[in-house]
Amino acid sequence: MLVLVPLAWSFYLLWKERKILSLRPIIWGIIFLFVARISEVLTEHPTFHISNYINLNRQSFDLVMSITGNFADVLAVLFLIMGFMQTIRSHRAKEKIIRDLESLLPLCSKCKCYRTVDGAWHPIEQYLTECGAPAITHSLCPACASQMLEVARGLRKAKEMVPRPQNL
């Protein structure tokens, strides 16, 4: 009767997961439990002896069936443990994926504003001050500084090329 607890738990997991292929060890464990119980019934039944129908010695048949039952019990426990470990690993992997996805911060690739859960967009500086980052200061990296310098030189040349009105 104690064997029915892991059997019921296995069926619950199969129903909950709805993924038969990913829970193969549990299915094999259930099959081996079934084989163990059948061999137990075949050896211990008081009136029905299958050895009479297949012309085998009763003691040798009982010995083979009890060894088969014991071996099937051991295999069933091993497969159930493997199946539960596989299920736990699968759940942990799914939880890690969810944690990783929840930790992503959606940023606008142009203006660097971030999107909140309610869909509002705010400057990244606000996020950094809200999450406890150190105080923010603005600066230019060397590549942006040289680019801005080129733009400023281009604007100065364009300004010099514009004719100035003569004072009258």
C-alpha atoms as a PDB file:
ATOM      1  CA  MET A   1       0.000   0.000   0.000  1.00  0.00           C
ATOM      2  CA  LEU A   2       2.929   2.344   0.685  1.00  0.00           C
ATOM      3  CA  VAL A   3       3.915   2.016  -2.965  1.00  0.00           C
ATOM      4  CA  LEU A   4       0.737   3.814  -4.023  1.00  0.00           C
ATOM      5  CA  VAL A   5       2.015   7.143  -2.617  1.00  0.00           C
ATOM      6  CA  PRO A   6       4.884   7.537  -5.131  1.00  0.00           C
ATOM      7  CA  LEU A   7       2.616   6.128  -7.813  1.00  0.00           C
ATOM      8  CA  ALA A   8      -0.045   8.742  -7.098  1.00  0.00           C
ATOM      9  CA  TRP A   9       2.603  11.473  -6.892  1.00  0.00           C
ATOM     10  CA  SER A  10       3.987  10.364 -10.257  1.00  0.00           C
ATOM     11  CA  PHE A  11       0.584  10.556 -11.888  1.00  0.00           C
ATOM     12  CA  TYR A  12       0.086  13.994 -10.361  1.00  0.00           C
ATOM     13  CA  LEU A  13       3.385  15.177 -11.858  1.00  0.00           C
ATOM     14  CA  LEU A  14       2.456  13.727 -15.232  1.00  0.00           C
ATOM     15  CA  TRP A  15      -0.855  15.556 -15.119  1.00  0.00           C
ATOM     16  CA  LYS A  16       0.747  18.797 -13.933  1.00  0.00           C
ATOM     17  CA  GLU A  17       3.567  18.810 -16.481  1.00  0.00           C
ATOM     18  CA  ARG A  18       1.602  17.487 -19.435  1.00  0.00           C
ATOM     19  CA  LYS A  19       4.950  16.517 -20.948  1.00  0.00           C
ATOM     20  CA  ILE A  20       5.104  12.761 -21.240  1.00  0.00           C
ATOM     21  CA  LEU A  21       8.473  12.682 -23.044  1.00  0.00           C
ATOM     22  CA  SER A  22      10.289  14.756 -20.435  1.00  0.00           C
ATOM     23  CA  LEU A  23       9.133  12.461 -17.634  1.00  0.00           C
ATOM     24  CA  ARG A  24      10.236   9.121 -19.079  1.00  0.00           C
ATOM     25  CA  PRO A  25      12.043   7.984 -15.908  1.00  0.00           C
ATOM     26  CA  ILE A  26       8.865   8.416 -13.875  1.00  0.00           C
ATOM     27  CA  ILE A  27       6.875   6.412 -16.416  1.00  0.00           C
ATOM     28  CA  TRP A  28       9.499   3.652 -16.305  1.00  0.00           C
ATOM     29  CA  GLY A  29       9.378   3.747 -12.505  1.00  0.00           C
ATOM     30  CA  ILE A  30       5.600   3.281 -12.599  1.00  0.00           C
ATOM     31  CA  ILE A  31       5.970   0.365 -15.033  1.00  0.00           C
ATOM     32  CA  PHE A  32       8.532  -1.326 -12.768  1.00  0.00           C
ATOM     33  CA  LEU A  33       6.297  -0.811  -9.732  1.00  0.00           C
ATOM     34  CA  PHE A  34       3.490  -2.457 -11.648  1.00  0.00           C
ATOM     35  CA  VAL A  35       5.751  -5.405 -12.573  1.00  0.00           C
ATOM     36  CA  ALA A  36       6.822  -5.768  -8.939  1.00  0.00           C
ATOM     37  CA  ARG A  37       3.229  -5.822  -7.716  1.00  0.00           C
ATOM     38  CA  ILE A  38       2.196  -8.363 -10.374  1.00  0.00           C
ATOM     39  CA  SER A  39       5.088 -10.677  -9.473  1.00  0.00           C
ATOM     40  CA  GLU A  40       4.126 -10.299  -5.811  1.00  0.00           C
ATOM     41  CA  VAL A  41       0.543 -11.276  -6.560  1.00  0.00           C
ATOM     42  CA  LEU A  42       1.661 -14.229  -8.682  1.00  0.00           C
ATOM     43  CA  THR A  43       3.833 -15.648  -5.892  1.00  0.00           C
ATOM     44  CA  GLU A  44       1.578 -14.954  -2.913  1.00  0.00           C
ATOM     45  CA  HIS A  45      -1.886 -15.685  -4.241  1.00  0.00           C
ATOM     46  CA  PRO A  46      -3.360 -18.562  -2.194  1.00  0.00           C
ATOM     47  CA  THR A  47      -5.426 -20.285  -4.883  1.00  0.00           C
ATOM     48  CA  PHE A  48      -4.142 -19.218  -8.284  1.00  0.00           C
ATOM     49  CA  HIS A  49      -0.733 -20.592  -9.252  1.00  0.00           C
ATOM     50  CA  ILE A  50       0.371 -19.825 -12.778  1.00  0.00           C
ATOM     51  CA  SER A  51       3.185 -22.358 -12.429  1.00  0.00           C
ATOM     52  CA  ASN A  52       0.547 -25.107 -12.719  1.00  0.00           C
ATOM     53  CA  TYR A  53      -0.453 -23.851 -16.178  1.00  0.00           C
ATOM     54  CA  ILE A  54       3.045 -23.587 -17.621  1.00  0.00           C
ATOM     55  CA  ASN A  55       4.438 -26.832 -16.124  1.00  0.00           C
ATOM     56  CA  LEU A  56       7.038 -25.327 -13.807  1.00  0.00           C
ATOM     57  CA  ASN A  57       8.109 -26.309 -10.345  1.00  0.00           C
ATOM     58  CA  ARG A  58       6.280 -24.091  -7.839  1.00  0.00           C
ATOM     59  CA  GLN A  59       9.361 -23.262  -5.714  1.00  0.00           C
ATOM     60  CA  SER A  60      11.532 -22.321  -8.680  1.00  0.00           C
ATOM     61  CA  PHE A  61       8.727 -20.203 -10.153  1.00  0.00           C
ATOM     62  CA  ASP A  62       8.203 -18.434  -6.828  1.00  0.00           C
ATOM     63  CA  LEU A  63      11.945 -17.832  -6.540  1.00  0.00           C
ATOM     64  CA  VAL A  64      12.161 -16.332 -10.035  1.00  0.00           C
ATOM     65  CA  MET A  65       9.085 -14.158  -9.447  1.00  0.00           C
ATOM     66  CA  SER A  66      10.298 -12.901  -6.059  1.00  0.00           C
ATOM     67  CA  ILE A  67      13.722 -12.012  -7.501  1.00  0.00           C
ATOM     68  CA  THR A  68      11.989 -10.296 -10.419  1.00  0.00           C
ATOM     69  CA  GLY A  69       9.712  -8.402  -8.033  1.00  0.00           C
ATOM     70  CA  ASN A  70      12.562  -7.285  -5.790  1.00  0.00           C
ATOM     71  CA  PHE A  71      14.667  -6.214  -8.773  1.00  0.00           C
ATOM     72  CA  ALA A  72      11.691  -4.339 -10.248  1.00  0.00           C
ATOM     73  CA  ASP A  73      11.130  -2.562  -6.903  1.00  0.00           C
ATOM     74  CA  VAL A  74      14.747  -1.384  -6.832  1.00  0.00           C
ATOM     75  CA  LEU A  75      14.596  -0.231 -10.450  1.00  0.00           C
ATOM     76  CA  ALA A  76      11.299   1.531  -9.823  1.00  0.00           C
ATOM     77  CA  VAL A  77      12.712   3.488  -6.900  1.00  0.00           C
ATOM     78  CA  LEU A  78      15.809   4.442  -8.908  1.00  0.00           C
ATOM     79  CA  PHE A  79      13.762   5.566 -11.904  1.00  0.00           C
ATOM     80  CA  LEU A  80      11.360   7.534  -9.711  1.00  0.00           C
ATOM     81  CA  ILE A  81      14.264   9.308  -8.018  1.00  0.00           C
ATOM     82  CA  MET A  82      15.803  10.088 -11.414  1.00  0.00           C
ATOM     83  CA  GLY A  83      12.460  11.367 -12.679  1.00  0.00           C
ATOM     84  CA  PHE A  84      11.909  13.612  -9.674  1.00  0.00           C
ATOM     85  CA  MET A  85      15.459  14.963  -9.966  1.00  0.00           C
ATOM     86  CA  GLN A  86      14.874  15.644 -13.666  1.00  0.00           C
ATOM     87  CA  THR A  87      11.624  17.444 -12.859  1.00  0.00           C
ATOM     88  CA  ILE A  88      13.329  19.564 -10.190  1.00  0.00           C
ATOM     89  CA  ARG A  89      16.145  20.454 -12.614  1.00  0.00           C
ATOM     90  CA  SER A  90      13.597  21.380 -15.261  1.00  0.00           C
ATOM     91  CA  HIS A  91      11.700  23.635 -12.842  1.00  0.00           C
ATOM     92  CA  ARG A  92      14.912  25.321 -11.701  1.00  0.00           C
ATOM     93  CA  ALA A  93      15.931  25.977 -15.306  1.00  0.00           C
ATOM     94  CA  LYS A  94      12.526  27.488 -16.054  1.00  0.00           C
ATOM     95  CA  GLU A  95      12.714  29.667 -12.940  1.00  0.00           C
ATOM     96  CA  LYS A  96      16.194  30.865 -13.969  1.00  0.00           C
ATOM     97  CA  ILE A  97      14.911  31.824 -17.413  1.00  0.00           C
ATOM     98  CA  ILE A  98      12.043  33.755 -15.822  1.00  0.00           C
ATOM     99  CA  ARG A  99      14.439  35.515 -13.422  1.00  0.00           C
ATOM    100  CA  ASP A 100      16.749  36.414 -16.297  1.00  0.00           C
ATOM    101  CA  LEU A 101      13.906  37.767 -18.390  1.00  0.00           C
ATOM    102  CA  GLU A 102      12.502  39.763 -15.478  1.00  0.00           C
ATOM    103  CA  SER A 103      15.900  41.337 -14.870  1.00  0.00           C
ATOM    104  CA  LEU A 104      16.110  42.775 -18.386  1.00  0.00           C
ATOM    105  CA  LEU A 105      15.575  46.534 -18.664  1.00  0.00           C
ATOM    106  CA  PRO A 106      13.927  47.684 -21.912  1.00  0.00           C
ATOM    107  CA  LEU A 107      15.881  50.702 -23.226  1.00  0.00           C
ATOM    108  CA  CYS A 108      15.228  52.913 -26.222  1.00  0.00           C
ATOM    109  CA  SER A 109      18.212  52.477 -28.522  1.00  0.00           C
ATOM    110  CA  LYS A 110      18.124  56.148 -29.552  1.00  0.00           C
ATOM    111  CA  CYS A 111      17.351  58.268 -26.494  1.00  0.00           C
ATOM    112  CA  LYS A 112      18.252  55.663 -23.794  1.00  0.00           C
ATOM    113  CA  CYS A 113      14.963  56.043 -21.932  1.00  0.00           C
ATOM    114  CA  TYR A 114      13.706  52.965 -20.107  1.00  0.00           C
ATOM    115  CA  ARG A 115      10.204  51.487 -20.091  1.00  0.00           C
ATOM    116  CA  THR A 116       8.463  50.769 -16.800  1.00  0.00           C
ATOM    117  CA  VAL A 117       6.009  47.968 -16.146  1.00  0.00           C
ATOM    118  CA  ASP A 118       3.053  50.267 -16.782  1.00  0.00           C
ATOM    119  CA  GLY A 119       4.505  51.262 -20.184  1.00  0.00           C
ATOM    120  CA  ALA A 120       5.752  54.774 -19.303  1.00  0.00           C
ATOM    121  CA  TRP A 121       9.151  55.890 -20.599  1.00  0.00           C
ATOM    122  CA  HIS A 122      11.606  57.663 -18.289  1.00  0.00           C
ATOM    123  CA  PRO A 123      15.214  58.831 -18.669  1.00  0.00           C
ATOM    124  CA  ILE A 124      17.841  56.309 -17.644  1.00  0.00           C
ATOM    125  CA  GLU A 125      19.196  58.748 -15.076  1.00  0.00           C
ATOM    126  CA  GLN A 126      15.917  58.440 -13.140  1.00  0.00           C
ATOM    127  CA  TYR A 127      16.242  54.657 -13.066  1.00  0.00           C
ATOM    128  CA  LEU A 128      19.811  54.831 -11.849  1.00  0.00           C
ATOM    129  CA  THR A 129      18.912  57.207  -9.008  1.00  0.00           C
ATOM    130  CA  GLU A 130      15.871  55.079  -8.044  1.00  0.00           C
ATOM    131  CA  CYS A 131      17.811  51.809  -7.929  1.00  0.00           C
ATOM    132  CA  GLY A 132      20.463  53.251  -5.617  1.00  0.00           C
ATOM    133  CA  ALA A 133      23.278  53.816  -8.083  1.00  0.00           C
ATOM    134  CA  PRO A 134      25.865  56.492  -7.285  1.00  0.00           C
ATOM    135  CA  ALA A 135      25.202  60.106  -8.315  1.00  0.00           C
ATOM    136  CA  ILE A 136      25.259  60.621 -12.054  1.00  0.00           C
ATOM    137  CA  THR A 137      27.370  63.157 -13.899  1.00  0.00           C
ATOM    138  CA  HIS A 138      27.528  63.710 -17.630  1.00  0.00           C
ATOM    139  CA  SER A 139      30.670  63.415 -19.645  1.00  0.00           C
ATOM    140  CA  LEU A 140      31.796  62.598 -23.187  1.00  0.00           C
ATOM    141  CA  CYS A 141      33.745  59.594 -24.273  1.00  0.00           C
ATOM    142  CA  PRO A 142      36.692  60.266 -26.647  1.00  0.00           C
ATOM    143  CA  ALA A 143      34.818  59.014 -29.728  1.00  0.00           C
ATOM    144  CA  CYS A 144      31.781  61.252 -29.061  1.00  0.00           C
ATOM    145  CA  ALA A 145      34.025  64.214 -28.181  1.00  0.00           C
ATOM    146  CA  SER A 146      35.901  63.971 -31.481  1.00  0.00           C
ATOM    147  CA  GLN A 147      32.623  63.581 -33.352  1.00  0.00           C
ATOM    148  CA  MET A 148      31.179  66.685 -31.668  1.00  0.00           C
ATOM    149  CA  LEU A 149      34.402  68.591 -32.408  1.00  0.00           C
ATOM    150  CA  GLU A 150      34.070  67.733 -36.094  1.00  0.00           C
ATOM    151  CA  VAL A 151      30.445  68.909 -36.076  1.00  0.00           C
ATOM    152  CA  ALA A 152      31.468  72.175 -34.375  1.00  0.00           C
ATOM    153  CA  ARG A 153      34.242  72.766 -36.937  1.00  0.00           C
ATOM    154  CA  GLY A 154      31.791  72.110 -39.747  1.00  0.00           C
ATOM    155  CA  LEU A 155      29.326  74.598 -38.261  1.00  0.00           C
ATOM    156  CA  ARG A 156      32.101  77.233 -37.859  1.00  0.00           C
ATOM    157  CA  LYS A 157      33.136  76.829 -41.524  1.00  0.00           C
ATOM    158  CA  ALA A 158      29.533  77.093 -42.640  1.00  0.00           C
ATOM    159  CA  LYS A 159      29.120  80.255 -40.561  1.00  0.00           C
ATOM    160  CA  GLU A 160      32.268  81.815 -42.077  1.00  0.00           C
ATOM    161  CA  MET A 161      31.035  81.113 -45.598  1.00  0.00           C
ATOM    162  CA  VAL A 162      27.805  83.022 -45.059  1.00  0.00           C
ATOM    163  CA  PRO A 163      28.320  86.591 -46.296  1.00  0.00           C
ATOM    164  CA  ARG A 164      27.924  89.255 -43.641  1.00  0.00           C
ATOM    165  CA  PRO A 165      25.755  92.243 -44.377  1.00  0.00           C
ATOM    166  CA  GLN A 166      27.683  95.492 -44.855  1.00  0.00           C
ATOM    167  CA  ASN A 167      27.038  98.314 -42.458  1.00  0.00           C
ATOM    168  CA  LEU A 168      25.574 101.268 -44.213  1.00  0.00           C
END
